[in-house]
Amino acid sequence: MNILKIEDLFKSYSLGRLDVPVLHDINLAVDAGEFAAIMGPSGSGKSTLMSLIGCLDRPTSGKITIGGEDISLLAETDLARIRGERVGFVFQTFNLISRLTALKNVELPMVYQDISRGERLKRAAELLRMLGLMDRANHKPPELSGGQRQRVAIARALANEPDILLADEPTGNLDSKTGLEIMQIFNDLHSEGRTIIMVTHDRALAENCDRIIRLKDGGIENE
């Protein structure tokens, strides 16, 4: 079953009086439980595509469906709901809040989902424990290594049980050994049935995935 379906997607940005196309003729389906890698040279449209899937931006034309719900024309409040309920984000730069503990960073997405404080803290602790970080629960990001920060970020992304986990160069700021450890976490999540879409420049990491989607000049290259 498709958890994500993209049809005839086109995205352009206005630059003065010019419309600059970034993505064109994107047709793509990702099945529930699939681990897909997106690769392509700089400027090929990878980040724009991830922003559109993650409801951080809107297509100029075309259709994006997540979990059977067409998100293409939703109001901003509904897009925010989709971001909170259906999509989890893992970024290259971690994007943790430095003044909050690891536990509080993981709890944060649940604050906006009408979940009781007790349940939020319980779930956050369970996720940190699952990722081997319970002994760092009360440490703030500056007190953590890069690999530990990324584990906290993964736990935060999983907090609301998203339909899709989006990972944008999740090993890009890590040394090779730590990067492989983080990749193993994604492999384990995939084996549990999670749907993961990952942008990476690392071919070796991409070849661990079920499928590689290659972008070039704003379009999908033929397999």
N, C-alpha and C. Protein backbone atom coordinates (compact mmCIF):
# COMPACT_ATOMS: atom_id res chain seq x y z
N MET A 1 0.84 -1.20 0.00
CA MET A 1 0.00 0.00 0.00
C MET A 1 0.88 1.25 0.00
N ASN A 2 0.54 2.22 -0.85
CA ASN A 2 1.31 3.48 -0.89
C ASN A 2 1.04 4.30 0.35
N ILE A 3 2.08 4.67 1.08
CA ILE A 3 1.94 5.62 2.18
C ILE A 3 2.16 7.05 1.66
N LEU A 4 2.90 7.14 0.54
CA LEU A 4 3.17 8.43 -0.11
C LEU A 4 2.98 8.27 -1.60
N LYS A 5 2.24 9.21 -2.20
CA LYS A 5 2.08 9.21 -3.64
C LYS A 5 2.20 10.64 -4.15
N ILE A 6 3.07 10.82 -5.14
CA ILE A 6 3.29 12.14 -5.74
C ILE A 6 2.95 12.04 -7.22
N GLU A 7 2.12 12.97 -7.68
CA GLU A 7 1.65 12.92 -9.06
C GLU A 7 1.86 14.26 -9.76
N ASP A 8 2.60 14.21 -10.87
CA ASP A 8 2.80 15.38 -11.75
C ASP A 8 3.23 16.61 -10.96
N LEU A 9 4.17 16.43 -10.06
CA LEU A 9 4.59 17.53 -9.18
C LEU A 9 5.49 18.50 -9.93
N PHE A 10 5.19 19.77 -9.74
CA PHE A 10 6.00 20.86 -10.29
C PHE A 10 6.18 21.91 -9.20
N LYS A 11 7.42 22.39 -9.04
CA LYS A 11 7.68 23.44 -8.05
C LYS A 11 8.62 24.47 -8.64
N SER A 12 8.21 25.73 -8.54
CA SER A 12 9.07 26.83 -8.97
C SER A 12 9.07 27.91 -7.91
N TYR A 13 10.10 28.75 -7.95
CA TYR A 13 10.19 29.88 -7.02
C TYR A 13 10.31 31.16 -7.83
N SER A 14 9.72 32.22 -7.29
CA SER A 14 9.82 33.51 -7.96
C SER A 14 11.14 34.18 -7.62
N LEU A 15 11.83 34.65 -8.63
CA LEU A 15 13.07 35.39 -8.47
C LEU A 15 12.92 36.69 -9.25
N GLY A 16 12.47 37.71 -8.54
CA GLY A 16 12.12 38.94 -9.23
C GLY A 16 10.90 38.70 -10.11
N ARG A 17 11.05 38.96 -11.40
CA ARG A 17 9.96 38.72 -12.35
C ARG A 17 10.03 37.33 -12.97
N LEU A 18 11.04 36.58 -12.60
CA LEU A 18 11.22 35.27 -13.19
C LEU A 18 10.67 34.17 -12.28
N ASP A 19 10.13 33.12 -12.88
CA ASP A 19 9.78 31.90 -12.17
C ASP A 19 10.86 30.88 -12.47
N VAL A 20 11.54 30.44 -11.43
CA VAL A 20 12.65 29.50 -11.60
C VAL A 20 12.17 28.10 -11.23
N PRO A 21 12.07 27.18 -12.20
CA PRO A 21 11.64 25.81 -11.88
C PRO A 21 12.70 25.06 -11.10
N VAL A 22 12.26 24.34 -10.07
CA VAL A 22 13.18 23.55 -9.24
C VAL A 22 12.90 22.06 -9.40
N LEU A 23 11.63 21.70 -9.44
CA LEU A 23 11.22 20.31 -9.65
C LEU A 23 10.20 20.26 -10.77
N HIS A 24 10.22 19.20 -11.57
CA HIS A 24 9.25 19.08 -12.65
C HIS A 24 8.93 17.60 -12.90
N ASP A 25 7.72 17.34 -13.27
CA ASP A 25 7.29 15.99 -13.70
C ASP A 25 7.67 14.91 -12.70
N ILE A 26 7.47 15.19 -11.41
CA ILE A 26 7.81 14.20 -10.38
C ILE A 26 6.61 13.29 -10.16
N ASN A 27 6.79 12.03 -10.44
CA ASN A 27 5.79 10.99 -10.16
C ASN A 27 6.49 9.91 -9.34
N LEU A 28 5.97 9.67 -8.16
CA LEU A 28 6.68 8.81 -7.22
C LEU A 28 5.70 8.20 -6.23
N ALA A 29 5.90 6.93 -5.91
CA ALA A 29 5.10 6.28 -4.87
C ALA A 29 6.05 5.53 -3.94
N VAL A 30 5.79 5.64 -2.64
CA VAL A 30 6.56 4.93 -1.62
C VAL A 30 5.59 4.09 -0.82
N ASP A 31 5.90 2.81 -0.69
CA ASP A 31 5.03 1.90 0.04
C ASP A 31 5.27 1.99 1.54
N ALA A 32 4.25 1.66 2.31
CA ALA A 32 4.39 1.57 3.76
C ALA A 32 5.46 0.54 4.08
N GLY A 33 6.39 0.90 4.96
CA GLY A 33 7.46 0.00 5.35
C GLY A 33 8.68 0.02 4.45
N GLU A 34 8.66 0.87 3.43
CA GLU A 34 9.79 0.93 2.50
C GLU A 34 10.86 1.88 3.03
N PHE A 35 12.12 1.58 2.71
CA PHE A 35 13.27 2.43 3.03
C PHE A 35 13.83 2.91 1.71
N ALA A 36 13.59 4.19 1.39
CA ALA A 36 14.00 4.75 0.10
C ALA A 36 15.07 5.81 0.31
N ALA A 37 16.08 5.79 -0.54
CA ALA A 37 17.13 6.81 -0.52
C ALA A 37 16.92 7.75 -1.69
N ILE A 38 17.15 9.04 -1.45
CA ILE A 38 17.13 10.04 -2.52
C ILE A 38 18.55 10.55 -2.70
N MET A 39 19.05 10.44 -3.93
CA MET A 39 20.40 10.89 -4.25
C MET A 39 20.35 11.85 -5.43
N GLY A 40 21.40 12.64 -5.56
CA GLY A 40 21.49 13.56 -6.69
C GLY A 40 22.52 14.62 -6.40
N PRO A 41 23.05 15.25 -7.43
CA PRO A 41 24.04 16.31 -7.22
C PRO A 41 23.44 17.53 -6.56
N SER A 42 24.29 18.40 -6.07
CA SER A 42 23.84 19.66 -5.48
C SER A 42 23.02 20.43 -6.49
N GLY A 43 21.87 20.95 -6.04
CA GLY A 43 20.99 21.70 -6.93
C GLY A 43 20.01 20.87 -7.71
N SER A 44 19.98 19.55 -7.45
CA SER A 44 19.08 18.68 -8.21
C SER A 44 17.64 18.71 -7.70
N GLY A 45 17.41 19.31 -6.52
CA GLY A 45 16.05 19.43 -5.99
C GLY A 45 15.75 18.53 -4.81
N LYS A 46 16.77 17.89 -4.24
CA LYS A 46 16.56 16.95 -3.13
C LYS A 46 15.91 17.62 -1.93
N SER A 47 16.48 18.74 -1.50
CA SER A 47 15.95 19.41 -0.31
C SER A 47 14.55 19.96 -0.54
N THR A 48 14.30 20.45 -1.76
CA THR A 48 12.97 20.96 -2.08
C THR A 48 11.95 19.83 -2.03
N LEU A 49 12.30 18.68 -2.57
CA LEU A 49 11.39 17.54 -2.55
C LEU A 49 11.10 17.11 -1.11
N MET A 50 12.12 17.08 -0.27
CA MET A 50 11.91 16.71 1.13
C MET A 50 11.02 17.73 1.85
N SER A 51 11.20 19.00 1.54
CA SER A 51 10.37 20.04 2.15
C SER A 51 8.91 19.88 1.76
N LEU A 52 8.67 19.50 0.51
CA LEU A 52 7.30 19.30 0.04
C LEU A 52 6.67 18.07 0.69
N ILE A 53 7.42 16.97 0.77
CA ILE A 53 6.90 15.76 1.41
C ILE A 53 6.63 16.03 2.88
N GLY A 54 7.49 16.83 3.51
CA GLY A 54 7.35 17.12 4.93
C GLY A 54 6.39 18.24 5.25
N CYS A 55 5.66 18.74 4.26
CA CYS A 55 4.65 19.79 4.48
C CYS A 55 5.26 21.09 4.97
N LEU A 56 6.52 21.33 4.64
CA LEU A 56 7.16 22.59 4.97
C LEU A 56 7.00 23.60 3.83
N ASP A 57 6.53 23.14 2.69
CA ASP A 57 6.33 23.99 1.52
C ASP A 57 5.19 23.39 0.71
N ARG A 58 4.72 24.15 -0.27
CA ARG A 58 3.60 23.70 -1.10
C ARG A 58 4.06 23.57 -2.55
N PRO A 59 3.52 22.60 -3.28
CA PRO A 59 3.86 22.51 -4.71
C PRO A 59 3.22 23.63 -5.50
N THR A 60 3.86 24.00 -6.59
CA THR A 60 3.25 24.96 -7.51
C THR A 60 2.07 24.32 -8.22
N SER A 61 2.24 23.05 -8.59
CA SER A 61 1.13 22.27 -9.15
C SER A 61 1.44 20.80 -8.90
N GLY A 62 0.42 19.97 -9.10
CA GLY A 62 0.57 18.55 -8.84
C GLY A 62 -0.05 18.16 -7.51
N LYS A 63 0.11 16.91 -7.16
CA LYS A 63 -0.60 16.36 -6.01
C LYS A 63 0.33 15.52 -5.15
N ILE A 64 0.23 15.70 -3.83
CA ILE A 64 0.97 14.88 -2.86
C ILE A 64 -0.05 14.28 -1.90
N THR A 65 -0.02 12.97 -1.76
CA THR A 65 -0.94 12.27 -0.86
C THR A 65 -0.13 11.50 0.17
N ILE A 66 -0.43 11.72 1.45
CA ILE A 66 0.22 11.00 2.54
C ILE A 66 -0.85 10.26 3.33
N GLY A 67 -0.68 8.97 3.43
CA GLY A 67 -1.65 8.17 4.17
C GLY A 67 -3.07 8.32 3.65
N GLY A 68 -3.20 8.51 2.33
CA GLY A 68 -4.52 8.65 1.73
C GLY A 68 -5.09 10.05 1.78
N GLU A 69 -4.36 11.01 2.38
CA GLU A 69 -4.86 12.38 2.50
C GLU A 69 -4.10 13.29 1.57
N ASP A 70 -4.83 13.99 0.69
CA ASP A 70 -4.22 14.93 -0.25
C ASP A 70 -3.81 16.18 0.51
N ILE A 71 -2.50 16.44 0.57
CA ILE A 71 -2.01 17.58 1.34
C ILE A 71 -1.74 18.80 0.46
N SER A 72 -1.94 18.67 -0.84
CA SER A 72 -1.49 19.71 -1.78
C SER A 72 -2.17 21.05 -1.55
N LEU A 73 -3.45 21.03 -1.18
CA LEU A 73 -4.20 22.28 -1.09
C LEU A 73 -4.68 22.57 0.33
N LEU A 74 -4.08 21.93 1.32
CA LEU A 74 -4.53 22.12 2.70
C LEU A 74 -4.18 23.51 3.22
N ALA A 75 -5.00 24.01 4.13
CA ALA A 75 -4.70 25.26 4.81
C ALA A 75 -3.49 25.06 5.71
N GLU A 76 -2.85 26.16 6.10
CA GLU A 76 -1.63 26.07 6.89
C GLU A 76 -1.85 25.33 8.21
N THR A 77 -2.99 25.54 8.84
CA THR A 77 -3.25 24.83 10.10
C THR A 77 -3.33 23.33 9.90
N ASP A 78 -3.90 22.92 8.77
CA ASP A 78 -3.97 21.48 8.49
C ASP A 78 -2.62 20.91 8.11
N LEU A 79 -1.80 21.71 7.41
CA LEU A 79 -0.44 21.27 7.11
C LEU A 79 0.36 21.07 8.40
N ALA A 80 0.17 21.99 9.34
CA ALA A 80 0.85 21.85 10.63
C ALA A 80 0.41 20.57 11.34
N ARG A 81 -0.86 20.23 11.22
CA ARG A 81 -1.36 18.99 11.82
C ARG A 81 -0.69 17.78 11.18
N ILE A 82 -0.58 17.78 9.85
CA ILE A 82 0.06 16.67 9.15
C ILE A 82 1.52 16.56 9.59
N ARG A 83 2.21 17.70 9.67
CA ARG A 83 3.61 17.69 10.11
C ARG A 83 3.74 17.06 11.49
N GLY A 84 2.80 17.40 12.36
CA GLY A 84 2.87 16.90 13.73
C GLY A 84 2.50 15.44 13.86
N GLU A 85 1.54 14.99 13.06
CA GLU A 85 0.99 13.64 13.24
C GLU A 85 1.60 12.59 12.32
N ARG A 86 1.95 12.97 11.10
CA ARG A 86 2.28 11.96 10.08
C ARG A 86 3.74 11.93 9.66
N VAL A 87 4.50 12.98 10.00
CA VAL A 87 5.87 13.08 9.50
C VAL A 87 6.83 13.34 10.66
N GLY A 88 7.94 12.59 10.70
CA GLY A 88 9.01 12.84 11.64
C GLY A 88 10.26 13.26 10.89
N PHE A 89 10.99 14.24 11.43
CA PHE A 89 12.16 14.80 10.74
C PHE A 89 13.44 14.50 11.50
N VAL A 90 14.48 14.09 10.77
CA VAL A 90 15.83 13.97 11.30
C VAL A 90 16.74 14.78 10.39
N PHE A 91 17.46 15.76 10.98
CA PHE A 91 18.25 16.68 10.18
C PHE A 91 19.75 16.42 10.36
N GLN A 92 20.52 16.84 9.37
CA GLN A 92 21.97 16.72 9.43
C GLN A 92 22.53 17.48 10.63
N THR A 93 21.94 18.63 10.93
CA THR A 93 22.45 19.49 12.01
C THR A 93 21.71 19.28 13.33
N PHE A 94 20.96 18.21 13.44
CA PHE A 94 20.27 17.76 14.65
C PHE A 94 19.06 18.63 15.02
N ASN A 95 19.24 19.98 14.99
CA ASN A 95 18.14 20.92 15.28
C ASN A 95 17.52 20.69 16.66
N LEU A 96 18.34 20.35 17.63
CA LEU A 96 17.85 20.24 19.01
C LEU A 96 17.87 21.61 19.67
N ILE A 97 17.07 21.76 20.70
CA ILE A 97 17.03 23.02 21.46
C ILE A 97 18.05 22.91 22.58
N SER A 98 19.08 23.75 22.53
CA SER A 98 20.26 23.58 23.39
C SER A 98 19.95 23.79 24.87
N ARG A 99 18.91 24.56 25.18
CA ARG A 99 18.62 24.83 26.60
C ARG A 99 17.76 23.74 27.24
N LEU A 100 17.26 22.81 26.43
CA LEU A 100 16.42 21.73 26.95
C LEU A 100 17.22 20.44 27.07
N THR A 101 16.87 19.62 28.06
CA THR A 101 17.50 18.32 28.21
C THR A 101 17.09 17.40 27.06
N ALA A 102 17.80 16.28 26.95
CA ALA A 102 17.45 15.29 25.93
C ALA A 102 15.99 14.86 26.10
N LEU A 103 15.60 14.60 27.35
CA LEU A 103 14.22 14.16 27.61
C LEU A 103 13.22 15.21 27.16
N LYS A 104 13.49 16.47 27.44
CA LYS A 104 12.56 17.55 27.07
C LYS A 104 12.53 17.75 25.56
N ASN A 105 13.67 17.57 24.89
CA ASN A 105 13.68 17.68 23.42
C ASN A 105 12.80 16.62 22.79
N VAL A 106 12.85 15.40 23.33
CA VAL A 106 12.03 14.32 22.78
C VAL A 106 10.55 14.55 23.11
N GLU A 107 10.29 15.12 24.26
CA GLU A 107 8.91 15.37 24.68
C GLU A 107 8.24 16.45 23.84
N LEU A 108 9.02 17.40 23.34
CA LEU A 108 8.46 18.62 22.75
C LEU A 108 7.41 18.39 21.66
N PRO A 109 7.62 17.51 20.67
CA PRO A 109 6.59 17.35 19.63
C PRO A 109 5.24 16.89 20.18
N MET A 110 5.26 16.20 21.30
CA MET A 110 4.01 15.69 21.87
C MET A 110 3.21 16.77 22.59
N VAL A 111 3.88 17.88 22.93
CA VAL A 111 3.19 18.97 23.63
C VAL A 111 2.04 19.51 22.78
N TYR A 112 2.23 19.48 21.46
CA TYR A 112 1.24 20.06 20.54
C TYR A 112 0.19 19.04 20.10
N GLN A 113 0.22 17.84 20.68
CA GLN A 113 -0.70 16.78 20.26
C GLN A 113 -1.70 16.39 21.34
N ASP A 114 -1.89 17.26 22.31
CA ASP A 114 -2.91 17.03 23.34
C ASP A 114 -2.66 15.70 24.07
N ILE A 115 -1.40 15.45 24.40
CA ILE A 115 -1.01 14.27 25.17
C ILE A 115 -0.66 14.73 26.57
N SER A 116 -1.12 14.02 27.58
CA SER A 116 -0.88 14.44 28.97
C SER A 116 0.61 14.46 29.26
N ARG A 117 1.00 15.29 30.23
CA ARG A 117 2.42 15.43 30.55
C ARG A 117 3.01 14.10 31.01
N GLY A 118 2.27 13.37 31.82
CA GLY A 118 2.76 12.08 32.28
C GLY A 118 3.02 11.11 31.15
N GLU A 119 2.10 11.06 30.19
CA GLU A 119 2.27 10.18 29.04
C GLU A 119 3.42 10.65 28.16
N ARG A 120 3.57 11.98 28.01
CA ARG A 120 4.67 12.51 27.20
C ARG A 120 6.02 12.09 27.77
N LEU A 121 6.18 12.27 29.08
CA LEU A 121 7.46 11.94 29.71
C LEU A 121 7.73 10.44 29.67
N LYS A 122 6.67 9.65 29.84
CA LYS A 122 6.83 8.19 29.78
C LYS A 122 7.28 7.76 28.39
N ARG A 123 6.65 8.30 27.35
CA ARG A 123 6.99 7.92 25.99
C ARG A 123 8.39 8.40 25.62
N ALA A 124 8.74 9.62 26.05
CA ALA A 124 10.07 10.16 25.76
C ALA A 124 11.15 9.29 26.40
N ALA A 125 10.91 8.88 27.64
CA ALA A 125 11.88 8.03 28.33
C ALA A 125 12.00 6.68 27.64
N GLU A 126 10.90 6.12 27.18
CA GLU A 126 10.94 4.84 26.49
C GLU A 126 11.76 4.93 25.20
N LEU A 127 11.60 6.05 24.47
CA LEU A 127 12.34 6.22 23.22
C LEU A 127 13.84 6.38 23.49
N LEU A 128 14.19 7.15 24.51
CA LEU A 128 15.61 7.30 24.86
C LEU A 128 16.20 5.97 25.30
N ARG A 129 15.42 5.21 26.03
CA ARG A 129 15.89 3.89 26.47
C ARG A 129 16.11 2.97 25.26
N MET A 130 15.18 3.02 24.32
CA MET A 130 15.29 2.20 23.12
C MET A 130 16.56 2.53 22.34
N LEU A 131 16.97 3.80 22.37
CA LEU A 131 18.14 4.23 21.62
C LEU A 131 19.40 4.27 22.49
N GLY A 132 19.33 3.67 23.68
CA GLY A 132 20.51 3.55 24.54
C GLY A 132 20.97 4.84 25.16
N LEU A 133 20.05 5.76 25.43
CA LEU A 133 20.43 7.08 25.93
C LEU A 133 19.78 7.46 27.25
N MET A 134 19.20 6.49 27.96
CA MET A 134 18.50 6.85 29.18
C MET A 134 19.43 7.49 30.21
N ASP A 135 20.72 7.11 30.17
CA ASP A 135 21.67 7.70 31.12
C ASP A 135 22.06 9.13 30.73
N ARG A 136 21.57 9.59 29.58
CA ARG A 136 21.83 10.96 29.14
C ARG A 136 20.54 11.79 29.10
N ALA A 137 19.49 11.27 29.69
CA ALA A 137 18.17 11.93 29.59
C ALA A 137 18.18 13.35 30.12
N ASN A 138 18.96 13.61 31.15
CA ASN A 138 18.96 14.94 31.76
C ASN A 138 20.14 15.80 31.33
N HIS A 139 20.84 15.37 30.29
CA HIS A 139 21.92 16.16 29.72
C HIS A 139 21.37 17.02 28.58
N LYS A 140 21.94 18.21 28.43
CA LYS A 140 21.55 19.11 27.34
C LYS A 140 22.44 18.84 26.13
N PRO A 141 21.99 19.22 24.92
CA PRO A 141 22.75 18.91 23.71
C PRO A 141 24.23 19.28 23.74
N PRO A 142 24.63 20.45 24.30
CA PRO A 142 26.07 20.75 24.31
C PRO A 142 26.89 19.75 25.14
N GLU A 143 26.22 18.98 25.97
CA GLU A 143 26.91 17.98 26.81
C GLU A 143 26.94 16.59 26.15
N LEU A 144 26.44 16.50 24.93
CA LEU A 144 26.35 15.22 24.23
C LEU A 144 27.28 15.19 23.03
N SER A 145 27.72 14.01 22.65
CA SER A 145 28.50 13.85 21.42
C SER A 145 27.58 13.99 20.21
N GLY A 146 28.18 14.09 19.02
CA GLY A 146 27.37 14.20 17.81
C GLY A 146 26.46 13.00 17.62
N GLY A 147 26.99 11.81 17.85
CA GLY A 147 26.16 10.61 17.71
C GLY A 147 25.03 10.58 18.71
N GLN A 148 25.29 11.02 19.94
CA GLN A 148 24.24 11.05 20.95
C GLN A 148 23.16 12.08 20.59
N ARG A 149 23.59 13.21 20.06
CA ARG A 149 22.61 14.23 19.63
C ARG A 149 21.72 13.68 18.52
N GLN A 150 22.32 12.96 17.57
CA GLN A 150 21.50 12.43 16.49
C GLN A 150 20.54 11.36 17.00
N ARG A 151 20.94 10.59 17.99
CA ARG A 151 20.02 9.62 18.58
C ARG A 151 18.85 10.32 19.26
N VAL A 152 19.14 11.42 19.95
CA VAL A 152 18.05 12.21 20.55
C VAL A 152 17.12 12.73 19.45
N ALA A 153 17.71 13.19 18.35
CA ALA A 153 16.90 13.70 17.24
C ALA A 153 16.02 12.61 16.64
N ILE A 154 16.55 11.40 16.54
CA ILE A 154 15.75 10.28 16.03
C ILE A 154 14.61 9.97 17.00
N ALA A 155 14.92 9.95 18.30
CA ALA A 155 13.87 9.71 19.29
C ALA A 155 12.78 10.78 19.19
N ARG A 156 13.18 12.03 19.02
CA ARG A 156 12.20 13.12 18.88
C ARG A 156 11.34 12.91 17.63
N ALA A 157 11.96 12.48 16.54
CA ALA A 157 11.22 12.27 15.29
C ALA A 157 10.20 11.15 15.43
N LEU A 158 10.45 10.20 16.32
CA LEU A 158 9.54 9.06 16.51
C LEU A 158 8.45 9.33 17.55
N ALA A 159 8.53 10.48 18.22
CA ALA A 159 7.67 10.72 19.39
C ALA A 159 6.18 10.57 19.09
N ASN A 160 5.74 11.05 17.94
CA ASN A 160 4.31 11.02 17.62
C ASN A 160 3.94 9.87 16.68
N GLU A 161 4.80 8.83 16.63
CA GLU A 161 4.51 7.65 15.80
C GLU A 161 4.15 8.05 14.36
N PRO A 162 5.08 8.72 13.66
CA PRO A 162 4.75 9.22 12.32
C PRO A 162 4.60 8.11 11.30
N ASP A 163 3.85 8.41 10.24
CA ASP A 163 3.72 7.48 9.11
C ASP A 163 5.03 7.38 8.33
N ILE A 164 5.72 8.54 8.22
CA ILE A 164 6.95 8.62 7.42
C ILE A 164 8.03 9.29 8.25
N LEU A 165 9.22 8.71 8.22
CA LEU A 165 10.39 9.31 8.85
C LEU A 165 11.26 9.88 7.73
N LEU A 166 11.47 11.20 7.74
CA LEU A 166 12.29 11.87 6.75
C LEU A 166 13.66 12.17 7.36
N ALA A 167 14.71 11.72 6.71
CA ALA A 167 16.07 11.93 7.21
C ALA A 167 16.89 12.64 6.14
N ASP A 168 17.34 13.85 6.44
CA ASP A 168 18.08 14.65 5.47
C ASP A 168 19.57 14.63 5.83
N GLU A 169 20.35 13.83 5.11
CA GLU A 169 21.78 13.65 5.38
C GLU A 169 22.04 13.38 6.87
N PRO A 170 21.41 12.36 7.45
CA PRO A 170 21.48 12.17 8.90
C PRO A 170 22.85 11.81 9.43
N THR A 171 23.76 11.39 8.55
CA THR A 171 25.12 11.06 9.00
C THR A 171 26.14 12.10 8.53
N GLY A 172 25.67 13.18 7.92
CA GLY A 172 26.56 14.14 7.29
C GLY A 172 27.51 14.85 8.23
N ASN A 173 27.12 15.03 9.50
CA ASN A 173 27.96 15.73 10.46
C ASN A 173 28.67 14.78 11.42
N LEU A 174 28.73 13.50 11.07
CA LEU A 174 29.29 12.50 11.97
C LEU A 174 30.50 11.83 11.34
N ASP A 175 31.41 11.33 12.18
CA ASP A 175 32.52 10.55 11.66
C ASP A 175 31.99 9.23 11.11
N SER A 176 32.82 8.53 10.35
CA SER A 176 32.33 7.35 9.64
C SER A 176 31.84 6.26 10.58
N LYS A 177 32.52 6.04 11.68
CA LYS A 177 32.11 4.99 12.62
C LYS A 177 30.75 5.33 13.24
N THR A 178 30.59 6.57 13.68
CA THR A 178 29.32 6.98 14.28
C THR A 178 28.22 6.98 13.23
N GLY A 179 28.57 7.37 12.01
CA GLY A 179 27.58 7.36 10.94
C GLY A 179 27.04 5.96 10.68
N LEU A 180 27.91 4.96 10.73
CA LEU A 180 27.46 3.58 10.54
C LEU A 180 26.55 3.15 11.69
N GLU A 181 26.84 3.62 12.90
CA GLU A 181 25.99 3.28 14.05
C GLU A 181 24.60 3.90 13.88
N ILE A 182 24.56 5.13 13.40
CA ILE A 182 23.27 5.78 13.17
C ILE A 182 22.52 5.08 12.04
N MET A 183 23.24 4.67 11.01
CA MET A 183 22.60 3.96 9.91
C MET A 183 22.02 2.63 10.39
N GLN A 184 22.68 1.98 11.33
CA GLN A 184 22.16 0.73 11.86
C GLN A 184 20.85 0.96 12.59
N ILE A 185 20.73 2.11 13.26
CA ILE A 185 19.46 2.45 13.92
C ILE A 185 18.34 2.56 12.88
N PHE A 186 18.63 3.23 11.76
CA PHE A 186 17.61 3.33 10.70
C PHE A 186 17.28 1.95 10.13
N ASN A 187 18.28 1.10 9.97
CA ASN A 187 18.02 -0.26 9.48
C ASN A 187 17.12 -1.02 10.46
N ASP A 188 17.39 -0.84 11.75
CA ASP A 188 16.57 -1.51 12.76
C ASP A 188 15.13 -0.99 12.73
N LEU A 189 14.97 0.32 12.58
CA LEU A 189 13.63 0.90 12.50
C LEU A 189 12.90 0.38 11.26
N HIS A 190 13.63 0.27 10.16
CA HIS A 190 13.05 -0.27 8.93
C HIS A 190 12.58 -1.71 9.14
N SER A 191 13.41 -2.50 9.83
CA SER A 191 13.04 -3.90 10.07
C SER A 191 11.80 -4.02 10.94
N GLU A 192 11.51 -2.96 11.71
CA GLU A 192 10.30 -2.94 12.54
C GLU A 192 9.07 -2.49 11.75
N GLY A 193 9.28 -2.13 10.48
CA GLY A 193 8.16 -1.74 9.63
C GLY A 193 8.01 -0.25 9.41
N ARG A 194 8.99 0.54 9.84
CA ARG A 194 8.91 1.99 9.64
C ARG A 194 9.15 2.36 8.18
N THR A 195 8.47 3.40 7.73
CA THR A 195 8.71 3.95 6.39
C THR A 195 9.72 5.07 6.52
N ILE A 196 10.82 4.98 5.78
CA ILE A 196 11.90 5.95 5.89
C ILE A 196 12.28 6.45 4.50
N ILE A 197 12.40 7.77 4.38
CA ILE A 197 12.92 8.39 3.16
C ILE A 197 14.14 9.20 3.57
N MET A 198 15.29 8.87 2.99
CA MET A 198 16.55 9.46 3.42
C MET A 198 17.29 10.10 2.25
N VAL A 199 17.65 11.36 2.41
CA VAL A 199 18.55 12.01 1.46
C VAL A 199 19.98 11.71 1.90
N THR A 200 20.80 11.24 0.98
CA THR A 200 22.20 10.99 1.30
C THR A 200 23.06 11.18 0.06
N HIS A 201 24.31 11.57 0.28
CA HIS A 201 25.28 11.62 -0.82
C HIS A 201 26.17 10.40 -0.81
N ASP A 202 26.00 9.55 0.20
CA ASP A 202 26.86 8.39 0.41
C ASP A 202 26.25 7.16 -0.28
N ARG A 203 26.85 6.73 -1.37
CA ARG A 203 26.31 5.61 -2.14
C ARG A 203 26.26 4.33 -1.32
N ALA A 204 27.27 4.12 -0.47
CA ALA A 204 27.31 2.90 0.34
C ALA A 204 26.11 2.84 1.29
N LEU A 205 25.74 3.99 1.88
CA LEU A 205 24.57 4.03 2.75
C LEU A 205 23.30 3.81 1.93
N ALA A 206 23.23 4.47 0.77
CA ALA A 206 22.03 4.35 -0.06
C ALA A 206 21.79 2.91 -0.50
N GLU A 207 22.86 2.17 -0.72
CA GLU A 207 22.71 0.79 -1.20
C GLU A 207 22.17 -0.14 -0.12
N ASN A 208 22.10 0.35 1.14
CA ASN A 208 21.44 -0.41 2.20
C ASN A 208 19.92 -0.32 2.11
N CYS A 209 19.43 0.63 1.33
CA CYS A 209 17.99 0.90 1.26
C CYS A 209 17.31 -0.02 0.25
N ASP A 210 15.99 -0.06 0.30
CA ASP A 210 15.22 -0.87 -0.64
C ASP A 210 15.33 -0.33 -2.07
N ARG A 211 15.47 0.98 -2.17
CA ARG A 211 15.42 1.60 -3.49
C ARG A 211 16.17 2.92 -3.45
N ILE A 212 16.80 3.28 -4.56
CA ILE A 212 17.46 4.57 -4.70
C ILE A 212 16.71 5.39 -5.74
N ILE A 213 16.26 6.58 -5.34
CA ILE A 213 15.58 7.53 -6.24
C ILE A 213 16.61 8.59 -6.60
N ARG A 214 16.94 8.70 -7.87
CA ARG A 214 17.98 9.63 -8.30
C ARG A 214 17.35 10.86 -8.96
N LEU A 215 17.74 12.02 -8.45
CA LEU A 215 17.29 13.28 -9.03
C LEU A 215 18.40 13.92 -9.84
N LYS A 216 18.01 14.54 -10.94
CA LYS A 216 18.96 15.30 -11.75
C LYS A 216 18.20 16.41 -12.45
N ASP A 217 18.70 17.63 -12.28
CA ASP A 217 18.10 18.80 -12.93
C ASP A 217 16.61 18.92 -12.63
N GLY A 218 16.22 18.56 -11.40
CA GLY A 218 14.83 18.74 -10.97
C GLY A 218 13.87 17.64 -11.35
N GLY A 219 14.37 16.59 -11.99
CA GLY A 219 13.52 15.48 -12.37
C GLY A 219 14.08 14.16 -11.87
N ILE A 220 13.28 13.12 -11.91
CA ILE A 220 13.72 11.79 -11.52
C ILE A 220 14.35 11.10 -12.71
N GLU A 221 15.58 10.64 -12.52
CA GLU A 221 16.25 9.88 -13.58
C GLU A 221 15.61 8.52 -13.74
N ASN A 222 15.51 8.06 -14.96
CA ASN A 222 14.99 6.73 -15.21
C ASN A 222 15.92 5.69 -14.62
N GLU A 223 15.28 4.64 -14.05
CA GLU A 223 16.08 3.55 -13.44
C GLU A 223 16.95 2.90 -14.50
